[in-house]
Amino acid sequence: MINIDINCDIGEGVDNEAELLPLITSCNIACGGHAGDADTMMKVALLAKEHKVLIGAHPSYPDRANFGRTSIKMAKDELKKSILVQIEDLNAVLITLGISLNHIKPHGALYNDVAKDRELALVFLDSISKYKKEVFLFVPYDSKIAEEALRLGFRIKYEAFADRNYNEDLSLVSRKDPKALIQEPKKVMDHLLHMVTKGAVLTLSGKAVKTQADTYCIHGDSPSTLQIIVYLSKHLPENQILIKK
């Protein structure tokens, strides 16, 4: 049997956490940049603790109007402060609950930008430097932020997306493309199985490109998220793969 880690972005206003958390192993909690506030962070952190799900901070560009999915230009110090405040707001909640922060994963446009922009990746890493030895950083394989994080001594875990299509350069297909999201549960499982068993992602063009992942994301706000997670929980064991709990 192969054990895999499935993570979901939660606390984003969808209110599906009670159904999702019993079925996954890691979660990324929105902490105010694109969604979330003190109440939602407390609510979902309590649920995650109940189901023994590892908790990560999910900071974003401070852009709730666009759900953090639009790149914005910010002064370096302003961006660093925003990222750190978001993480510390969540961590303060976790401390009151006796929970340790497990990881940090940037959200949306910030995630994509630090993957390809070395200077921005360094700004992000500088903003979270106090957590370098304590938590993991979820990053895409073969990305600028992965390279710099490793060079600077951060603890990283490579992440891949089970419900998103990829381009041949390992970037995610733009959400403006109708084929960006994979929403049919069987297709998500096939996409995931290819990465887990072959160490390669089947891109939108049909080419298999080498990749590596320690954790696999299913977006928490997709229309079919719950159906996908339930389907994976039921059918992955038939392929000798377990969602690690």
C-alpha atoms as a PDB file:
ATOM      1  CA  MET A   1       0.000   0.000   0.000  1.00  0.00           C
ATOM      2  CA  ILE A   2       1.089   3.570  -0.769  1.00  0.00           C
ATOM      3  CA  ASN A   3       0.058   6.237   1.729  1.00  0.00           C
ATOM      4  CA  ILE A   4      -0.569   9.738   0.379  1.00  0.00           C
ATOM      5  CA  ASP A   5      -1.385  13.061   1.977  1.00  0.00           C
ATOM      6  CA  ILE A   6      -4.443  14.944   0.693  1.00  0.00           C
ATOM      7  CA  ASN A   7      -4.788  18.610   1.601  1.00  0.00           C
ATOM      8  CA  CYS A   8      -7.656  21.059   1.113  1.00  0.00           C
ATOM      9  CA  ASP A   9      -7.920  24.831   1.312  1.00  0.00           C
ATOM     10  CA  ILE A  10     -10.608  25.621   3.890  1.00  0.00           C
ATOM     11  CA  GLY A  11     -12.107  28.468   5.903  1.00  0.00           C
ATOM     12  CA  GLU A  12     -12.903  30.247   2.657  1.00  0.00           C
ATOM     13  CA  GLY A  13     -16.633  30.748   3.192  1.00  0.00           C
ATOM     14  CA  VAL A  14     -17.880  27.534   1.570  1.00  0.00           C
ATOM     15  CA  ASP A  15     -18.792  25.996   4.945  1.00  0.00           C
ATOM     16  CA  ASN A  16     -18.052  22.416   3.874  1.00  0.00           C
ATOM     17  CA  GLU A  17     -15.371  21.699   6.475  1.00  0.00           C
ATOM     18  CA  ALA A  18     -17.475  19.360   8.605  1.00  0.00           C
ATOM     19  CA  GLU A  19     -17.850  17.027   5.618  1.00  0.00           C
ATOM     20  CA  LEU A  20     -14.307  17.367   4.266  1.00  0.00           C
ATOM     21  CA  LEU A  21     -12.131  17.135   7.363  1.00  0.00           C
ATOM     22  CA  PRO A  22     -12.968  13.535   8.316  1.00  0.00           C
ATOM     23  CA  LEU A  23     -11.698  12.449   4.884  1.00  0.00           C
ATOM     24  CA  ILE A  24      -8.419  14.356   4.463  1.00  0.00           C
ATOM     25  CA  THR A  25      -5.085  14.565   6.257  1.00  0.00           C
ATOM     26  CA  SER A  26      -3.909  18.171   5.929  1.00  0.00           C
ATOM     27  CA  CYS A  27      -5.675  21.497   5.570  1.00  0.00           C
ATOM     28  CA  ASN A  28      -4.737  25.055   4.693  1.00  0.00           C
ATOM     29  CA  ILE A  29      -6.760  27.644   6.603  1.00  0.00           C
ATOM     30  CA  ALA A  30      -7.479  31.042   5.057  1.00  0.00           C
ATOM     31  CA  CYS A  31      -6.167  33.631   7.473  1.00  0.00           C
ATOM     32  CA  GLY A  32      -7.600  36.952   6.373  1.00  0.00           C
ATOM     33  CA  GLY A  33      -5.900  37.874   3.117  1.00  0.00           C
ATOM     34  CA  HIS A  34      -8.382  36.458   0.617  1.00  0.00           C
ATOM     35  CA  ALA A  35     -10.935  35.054   3.074  1.00  0.00           C
ATOM     36  CA  GLY A  36     -11.373  34.161   6.713  1.00  0.00           C
ATOM     37  CA  ASP A  37     -11.417  35.946  10.047  1.00  0.00           C
ATOM     38  CA  ALA A  38     -10.857  35.100  13.695  1.00  0.00           C
ATOM     39  CA  ASP A  39     -14.212  33.315  13.974  1.00  0.00           C
ATOM     40  CA  THR A  40     -13.765  31.126  10.895  1.00  0.00           C
ATOM     41  CA  MET A  41     -10.190  30.304  11.855  1.00  0.00           C
ATOM     42  CA  MET A  42     -11.325  29.170  15.301  1.00  0.00           C
ATOM     43  CA  LYS A  43     -14.247  27.176  13.908  1.00  0.00           C
ATOM     44  CA  VAL A  44     -12.301  25.214  11.306  1.00  0.00           C
ATOM     45  CA  ALA A  45      -9.246  24.765  13.527  1.00  0.00           C
ATOM     46  CA  LEU A  46     -11.465  23.117  16.151  1.00  0.00           C
ATOM     47  CA  LEU A  47     -12.870  20.757  13.517  1.00  0.00           C
ATOM     48  CA  ALA A  48      -9.385  19.968  12.229  1.00  0.00           C
ATOM     49  CA  LYS A  49      -8.205  19.201  15.754  1.00  0.00           C
ATOM     50  CA  GLU A  50     -11.199  16.900  16.297  1.00  0.00           C
ATOM     51  CA  HIS A  51     -10.339  14.910  13.171  1.00  0.00           C
ATOM     52  CA  LYS A  52      -6.557  14.979  13.738  1.00  0.00           C
ATOM     53  CA  VAL A  53      -5.926  16.885  10.505  1.00  0.00           C
ATOM     54  CA  LEU A  54      -2.624  18.772  10.196  1.00  0.00           C
ATOM     55  CA  ILE A  55      -3.121  22.527   9.968  1.00  0.00           C
ATOM     56  CA  GLY A  56      -1.346  24.984   7.716  1.00  0.00           C
ATOM     57  CA  ALA A  57      -1.609  28.737   7.200  1.00  0.00           C
ATOM     58  CA  HIS A  58      -2.868  29.868   3.797  1.00  0.00           C
ATOM     59  CA  PRO A  59      -1.757  33.503   3.353  1.00  0.00           C
ATOM     60  CA  SER A  60      -2.622  35.491   0.259  1.00  0.00           C
ATOM     61  CA  TYR A  61      -2.262  38.847  -1.334  1.00  0.00           C
ATOM     62  CA  PRO A  62      -4.533  41.076   0.797  1.00  0.00           C
ATOM     63  CA  ASP A  63      -7.261  41.108  -1.839  1.00  0.00           C
ATOM     64  CA  ARG A  64     -10.600  39.778  -0.658  1.00  0.00           C
ATOM     65  CA  ALA A  65     -12.429  41.381  -3.597  1.00  0.00           C
ATOM     66  CA  ASN A  66     -10.680  39.040  -6.050  1.00  0.00           C
ATOM     67  CA  PHE A  67     -10.345  36.103  -3.639  1.00  0.00           C
ATOM     68  CA  GLY A  68      -6.567  36.444  -3.861  1.00  0.00           C
ATOM     69  CA  ARG A  69      -6.551  35.163  -7.426  1.00  0.00           C
ATOM     70  CA  THR A  70      -5.234  38.356  -9.043  1.00  0.00           C
ATOM     71  CA  SER A  71      -1.564  39.361  -8.953  1.00  0.00           C
ATOM     72  CA  ILE A  72      -1.083  42.749  -7.328  1.00  0.00           C
ATOM     73  CA  LYS A  73       1.952  44.972  -7.026  1.00  0.00           C
ATOM     74  CA  MET A  74       2.936  45.786  -3.468  1.00  0.00           C
ATOM     75  CA  ALA A  75       5.947  47.307  -1.789  1.00  0.00           C
ATOM     76  CA  LYS A  76       8.161  44.540  -0.410  1.00  0.00           C
ATOM     77  CA  ASP A  77       7.822  45.630   3.215  1.00  0.00           C
ATOM     78  CA  GLU A  78       4.054  45.971   2.879  1.00  0.00           C
ATOM     79  CA  LEU A  79       3.720  42.488   1.406  1.00  0.00           C
ATOM     80  CA  LYS A  80       6.015  40.945   4.016  1.00  0.00           C
ATOM     81  CA  LYS A  81       4.024  42.547   6.814  1.00  0.00           C
ATOM     82  CA  SER A  82       0.716  41.344   5.362  1.00  0.00           C
ATOM     83  CA  ILE A  83       1.914  37.753   4.993  1.00  0.00           C
ATOM     84  CA  LEU A  84       3.377  37.619   8.496  1.00  0.00           C
ATOM     85  CA  VAL A  85       0.289  39.172  10.113  1.00  0.00           C
ATOM     86  CA  GLN A  86      -1.958  36.617   8.410  1.00  0.00           C
ATOM     87  CA  ILE A  87       0.119  33.690   9.629  1.00  0.00           C
ATOM     88  CA  GLU A  88       0.456  35.074  13.146  1.00  0.00           C
ATOM     89  CA  ASP A  89      -3.295  35.658  13.369  1.00  0.00           C
ATOM     90  CA  LEU A  90      -3.907  31.981  12.645  1.00  0.00           C
ATOM     91  CA  ASN A  91      -1.067  30.832  14.865  1.00  0.00           C
ATOM     92  CA  ALA A  92      -2.512  32.817  17.785  1.00  0.00           C
ATOM     93  CA  VAL A  93      -5.746  30.845  17.387  1.00  0.00           C
ATOM     94  CA  LEU A  94      -3.868  27.559  17.231  1.00  0.00           C
ATOM     95  CA  ILE A  95      -1.868  28.349  20.353  1.00  0.00           C
ATOM     96  CA  THR A  96      -5.080  28.876  22.326  1.00  0.00           C
ATOM     97  CA  LEU A  97      -6.220  25.427  21.155  1.00  0.00           C
ATOM     98  CA  GLY A  98      -2.931  23.709  21.914  1.00  0.00           C
ATOM     99  CA  ILE A  99      -2.244  22.987  18.249  1.00  0.00           C
ATOM    100  CA  SER A 100       1.081  23.352  16.458  1.00  0.00           C
ATOM    101  CA  LEU A 101       1.205  24.985  13.045  1.00  0.00           C
ATOM    102  CA  ASN A 102       2.354  22.276  10.624  1.00  0.00           C
ATOM    103  CA  HIS A 103       2.903  24.147   7.366  1.00  0.00           C
ATOM    104  CA  ILE A 104       2.524  27.306   5.337  1.00  0.00           C
ATOM    105  CA  LYS A 105       1.125  27.389   1.813  1.00  0.00           C
ATOM    106  CA  PRO A 106       0.613  30.613  -0.162  1.00  0.00           C
ATOM    107  CA  HIS A 107      -2.739  31.010  -1.879  1.00  0.00           C
ATOM    108  CA  GLY A 108      -3.860  31.715  -5.416  1.00  0.00           C
ATOM    109  CA  ALA A 109      -1.973  34.328  -7.383  1.00  0.00           C
ATOM    110  CA  LEU A 110       0.687  34.601  -4.687  1.00  0.00           C
ATOM    111  CA  TYR A 111       1.345  30.843  -4.945  1.00  0.00           C
ATOM    112  CA  ASN A 112       1.737  31.076  -8.718  1.00  0.00           C
ATOM    113  CA  ASP A 113       3.831  34.252  -8.585  1.00  0.00           C
ATOM    114  CA  VAL A 114       6.397  32.965  -6.067  1.00  0.00           C
ATOM    115  CA  ALA A 115       6.707  29.794  -8.126  1.00  0.00           C
ATOM    116  CA  LYS A 116       8.070  31.690 -11.131  1.00  0.00           C
ATOM    117  CA  ASP A 117       9.465  34.981  -9.730  1.00  0.00           C
ATOM    118  CA  ARG A 118      12.689  34.461  -7.762  1.00  0.00           C
ATOM    119  CA  GLU A 119      12.708  37.971  -6.258  1.00  0.00           C
ATOM    120  CA  LEU A 120       9.141  37.626  -5.030  1.00  0.00           C
ATOM    121  CA  ALA A 121       9.915  34.149  -3.708  1.00  0.00           C
ATOM    122  CA  LEU A 122      12.702  35.644  -1.605  1.00  0.00           C
ATOM    123  CA  VAL A 123      10.339  38.304  -0.269  1.00  0.00           C
ATOM    124  CA  PHE A 124       7.893  35.588   0.766  1.00  0.00           C
ATOM    125  CA  LEU A 125      10.603  33.496   2.397  1.00  0.00           C
ATOM    126  CA  ASP A 126      11.931  36.501   4.267  1.00  0.00           C
ATOM    127  CA  SER A 127       8.437  37.198   5.609  1.00  0.00           C
ATOM    128  CA  ILE A 128       8.167  33.687   7.105  1.00  0.00           C
ATOM    129  CA  SER A 129      11.791  33.281   8.208  1.00  0.00           C
ATOM    130  CA  LYS A 130      10.823  33.019  11.885  1.00  0.00           C
ATOM    131  CA  TYR A 131       9.012  29.770  11.051  1.00  0.00           C
ATOM    132  CA  LYS A 132      11.874  28.262   9.052  1.00  0.00           C
ATOM    133  CA  LYS A 133      12.800  25.573  11.563  1.00  0.00           C
ATOM    134  CA  GLU A 134       9.302  24.957  12.920  1.00  0.00           C
ATOM    135  CA  VAL A 135       7.019  24.324   9.964  1.00  0.00           C
ATOM    136  CA  PHE A 136       6.993  22.907   6.461  1.00  0.00           C
ATOM    137  CA  LEU A 137       6.498  25.052   3.382  1.00  0.00           C
ATOM    138  CA  PHE A 138       4.254  23.596   0.666  1.00  0.00           C
ATOM    139  CA  VAL A 139       5.742  24.480  -2.731  1.00  0.00           C
ATOM    140  CA  PRO A 140       5.426  23.286  -6.332  1.00  0.00           C
ATOM    141  CA  TYR A 141       8.137  21.025  -7.726  1.00  0.00           C
ATOM    142  CA  ASP A 142      10.831  22.643  -9.899  1.00  0.00           C
ATOM    143  CA  SER A 143       9.795  26.160  -8.876  1.00  0.00           C
ATOM    144  CA  LYS A 144      11.798  29.234  -7.944  1.00  0.00           C
ATOM    145  CA  ILE A 145      10.466  29.217  -4.401  1.00  0.00           C
ATOM    146  CA  ALA A 146      11.422  25.555  -3.979  1.00  0.00           C
ATOM    147  CA  GLU A 147      14.981  26.275  -5.110  1.00  0.00           C
ATOM    148  CA  GLU A 148      15.394  29.255  -2.802  1.00  0.00           C
ATOM    149  CA  ALA A 149      13.703  27.581   0.159  1.00  0.00           C
ATOM    150  CA  LEU A 150      16.073  24.628  -0.055  1.00  0.00           C
ATOM    151  CA  ARG A 151      19.071  26.911  -0.436  1.00  0.00           C
ATOM    152  CA  LEU A 152      18.056  28.880   2.651  1.00  0.00           C
ATOM    153  CA  GLY A 153      17.380  25.852   4.819  1.00  0.00           C
ATOM    154  CA  PHE A 154      13.588  25.776   4.899  1.00  0.00           C
ATOM    155  CA  ARG A 155      11.766  22.487   5.408  1.00  0.00           C
ATOM    156  CA  ILE A 156       9.702  21.910   2.283  1.00  0.00           C
ATOM    157  CA  LYS A 157       7.113  19.521   0.963  1.00  0.00           C
ATOM    158  CA  TYR A 158       6.433  19.380  -2.744  1.00  0.00           C
ATOM    159  CA  GLU A 159       2.788  19.813  -3.661  1.00  0.00           C
ATOM    160  CA  ALA A 160       0.804  18.852  -6.739  1.00  0.00           C
ATOM    161  CA  PHE A 161      -2.822  19.547  -7.626  1.00  0.00           C
ATOM    162  CA  ALA A 162      -5.113  16.612  -8.234  1.00  0.00           C
ATOM    163  CA  ASP A 163      -7.974  18.771  -9.504  1.00  0.00           C
ATOM    164  CA  ARG A 164      -6.053  21.121 -11.812  1.00  0.00           C
ATOM    165  CA  ASN A 165      -4.657  20.655 -15.290  1.00  0.00           C
ATOM    166  CA  TYR A 166      -1.008  21.467 -15.956  1.00  0.00           C
ATOM    167  CA  ASN A 167       0.962  23.042 -18.785  1.00  0.00           C
ATOM    168  CA  GLU A 168       4.177  21.409 -19.987  1.00  0.00           C
ATOM    169  CA  ASP A 169       6.301  23.842 -17.929  1.00  0.00           C
ATOM    170  CA  LEU A 170       4.501  22.540 -14.785  1.00  0.00           C
ATOM    171  CA  SER A 171       2.538  25.767 -14.389  1.00  0.00           C
ATOM    172  CA  LEU A 172      -1.172  25.434 -13.750  1.00  0.00           C
ATOM    173  CA  VAL A 173      -3.523  26.007 -16.663  1.00  0.00           C
ATOM    174  CA  SER A 174      -5.043  29.478 -16.221  1.00  0.00           C
ATOM    175  CA  ARG A 175      -8.428  29.601 -14.559  1.00  0.00           C
ATOM    176  CA  LYS A 176      -9.573  31.628 -17.569  1.00  0.00           C
ATOM    177  CA  ASP A 177      -9.344  28.373 -19.542  1.00  0.00           C
ATOM    178  CA  PRO A 178     -12.476  26.202 -19.177  1.00  0.00           C
ATOM    179  CA  LYS A 179     -10.197  23.174 -18.859  1.00  0.00           C
ATOM    180  CA  ALA A 180      -8.275  24.568 -15.873  1.00  0.00           C
ATOM    181  CA  LEU A 181     -10.263  22.611 -13.295  1.00  0.00           C
ATOM    182  CA  ILE A 182     -10.858  18.865 -13.264  1.00  0.00           C
ATOM    183  CA  GLN A 183     -14.224  18.335 -11.610  1.00  0.00           C
ATOM    184  CA  GLU A 184     -15.266  14.807 -12.517  1.00  0.00           C
ATOM    185  CA  PRO A 185     -14.211  12.555  -9.597  1.00  0.00           C
ATOM    186  CA  LYS A 186     -13.009   9.657 -11.794  1.00  0.00           C
ATOM    187  CA  LYS A 187     -10.838  12.009 -13.862  1.00  0.00           C
ATOM    188  CA  VAL A 188      -9.375  13.537 -10.711  1.00  0.00           C
ATOM    189  CA  MET A 189      -8.471  10.067  -9.466  1.00  0.00           C
ATOM    190  CA  ASP A 190      -6.867   9.119 -12.787  1.00  0.00           C
ATOM    191  CA  HIS A 191      -4.881  12.376 -12.769  1.00  0.00           C
ATOM    192  CA  LEU A 192      -3.755  11.707  -9.203  1.00  0.00           C
ATOM    193  CA  LEU A 193      -2.884   8.064  -9.846  1.00  0.00           C
ATOM    194  CA  HIS A 194      -0.643   9.024 -12.760  1.00  0.00           C
ATOM    195  CA  MET A 195       1.351  11.358 -10.519  1.00  0.00           C
ATOM    196  CA  VAL A 196       1.536   8.949  -7.585  1.00  0.00           C
ATOM    197  CA  THR A 197       2.457   5.811  -9.533  1.00  0.00           C
ATOM    198  CA  LYS A 198       4.513   7.237 -12.415  1.00  0.00           C
ATOM    199  CA  GLY A 199       6.150  10.326 -10.881  1.00  0.00           C
ATOM    200  CA  ALA A 200       4.862  12.396 -13.774  1.00  0.00           C
ATOM    201  CA  VAL A 201       1.876  14.619 -14.464  1.00  0.00           C
ATOM    202  CA  LEU A 202      -0.129  14.155 -17.637  1.00  0.00           C
ATOM    203  CA  THR A 203      -0.377  17.701 -18.992  1.00  0.00           C
ATOM    204  CA  LEU A 204      -3.259  19.236 -20.902  1.00  0.00           C
ATOM    205  CA  SER A 205      -1.364  18.633 -24.150  1.00  0.00           C
ATOM    206  CA  GLY A 206      -1.111  14.929 -23.344  1.00  0.00           C
ATOM    207  CA  LYS A 207       2.604  14.968 -22.576  1.00  0.00           C
ATOM    208  CA  ALA A 208       3.823  13.323 -19.364  1.00  0.00           C
ATOM    209  CA  VAL A 209       6.211  15.616 -17.479  1.00  0.00           C
ATOM    210  CA  LYS A 210       8.309  14.527 -14.493  1.00  0.00           C
ATOM    211  CA  THR A 211       7.112  15.847 -11.172  1.00  0.00           C
ATOM    212  CA  GLN A 212       7.389  15.062  -7.470  1.00  0.00           C
ATOM    213  CA  ALA A 213       4.883  15.468  -4.663  1.00  0.00           C
ATOM    214  CA  ASP A 214       4.646  14.807  -0.956  1.00  0.00           C
ATOM    215  CA  THR A 215       1.096  16.158  -0.711  1.00  0.00           C
ATOM    216  CA  TYR A 216      -1.780  16.538  -3.163  1.00  0.00           C
ATOM    217  CA  CYS A 217      -4.311  19.363  -3.104  1.00  0.00           C
ATOM    218  CA  ILE A 218      -8.026  19.319  -3.812  1.00  0.00           C
ATOM    219  CA  HIS A 219      -9.378  22.876  -3.804  1.00  0.00           C
ATOM    220  CA  GLY A 220     -11.940  23.335  -1.062  1.00  0.00           C
ATOM    221  CA  ASP A 221     -14.071  25.823  -2.996  1.00  0.00           C
ATOM    222  CA  SER A 222     -14.666  23.842  -6.190  1.00  0.00           C
ATOM    223  CA  PRO A 223     -18.293  22.852  -6.935  1.00  0.00           C
ATOM    224  CA  SER A 224     -17.527  19.133  -6.785  1.00  0.00           C
ATOM    225  CA  THR A 225     -14.979  19.115  -3.954  1.00  0.00           C
ATOM    226  CA  LEU A 226     -16.948  16.910  -1.583  1.00  0.00           C
ATOM    227  CA  GLN A 227     -17.896  14.438  -4.305  1.00  0.00           C
ATOM    228  CA  ILE A 228     -14.241  14.196  -5.335  1.00  0.00           C
ATOM    229  CA  ILE A 229     -12.982  13.606  -1.799  1.00  0.00           C
ATOM    230  CA  VAL A 230     -15.649  10.983  -1.083  1.00  0.00           C
ATOM    231  CA  TYR A 231     -14.859   9.231  -4.368  1.00  0.00           C
ATOM    232  CA  LEU A 232     -11.123   9.185  -3.658  1.00  0.00           C
ATOM    233  CA  SER A 233     -11.676   7.855  -0.156  1.00  0.00           C
ATOM    234  CA  LYS A 234     -13.752   5.014  -1.560  1.00  0.00           C
ATOM    235  CA  HIS A 235     -11.811   4.071  -4.683  1.00  0.00           C
ATOM    236  CA  LEU A 236      -8.134   4.825  -4.006  1.00  0.00           C
ATOM    237  CA  PRO A 237      -7.790   1.719  -1.779  1.00  0.00           C
ATOM    238  CA  GLU A 238      -8.787  -0.383  -4.800  1.00  0.00           C
ATOM    239  CA  ASN A 239      -5.567   0.906  -6.398  1.00  0.00           C
ATOM    240  CA  GLN A 240      -3.460   0.072  -3.329  1.00  0.00           C
ATOM    241  CA  ILE A 241      -3.356   3.726  -2.289  1.00  0.00           C
ATOM    242  CA  LEU A 242      -4.562   5.040   1.042  1.00  0.00           C
ATOM    243  CA  ILE A 243      -5.219   8.591   2.189  1.00  0.00           C
ATOM    244  CA  LYS A 244      -2.908   8.669   5.182  1.00  0.00           C
ATOM    245  CA  LYS A 245      -4.697   9.208   8.470  1.00  0.00           C
END
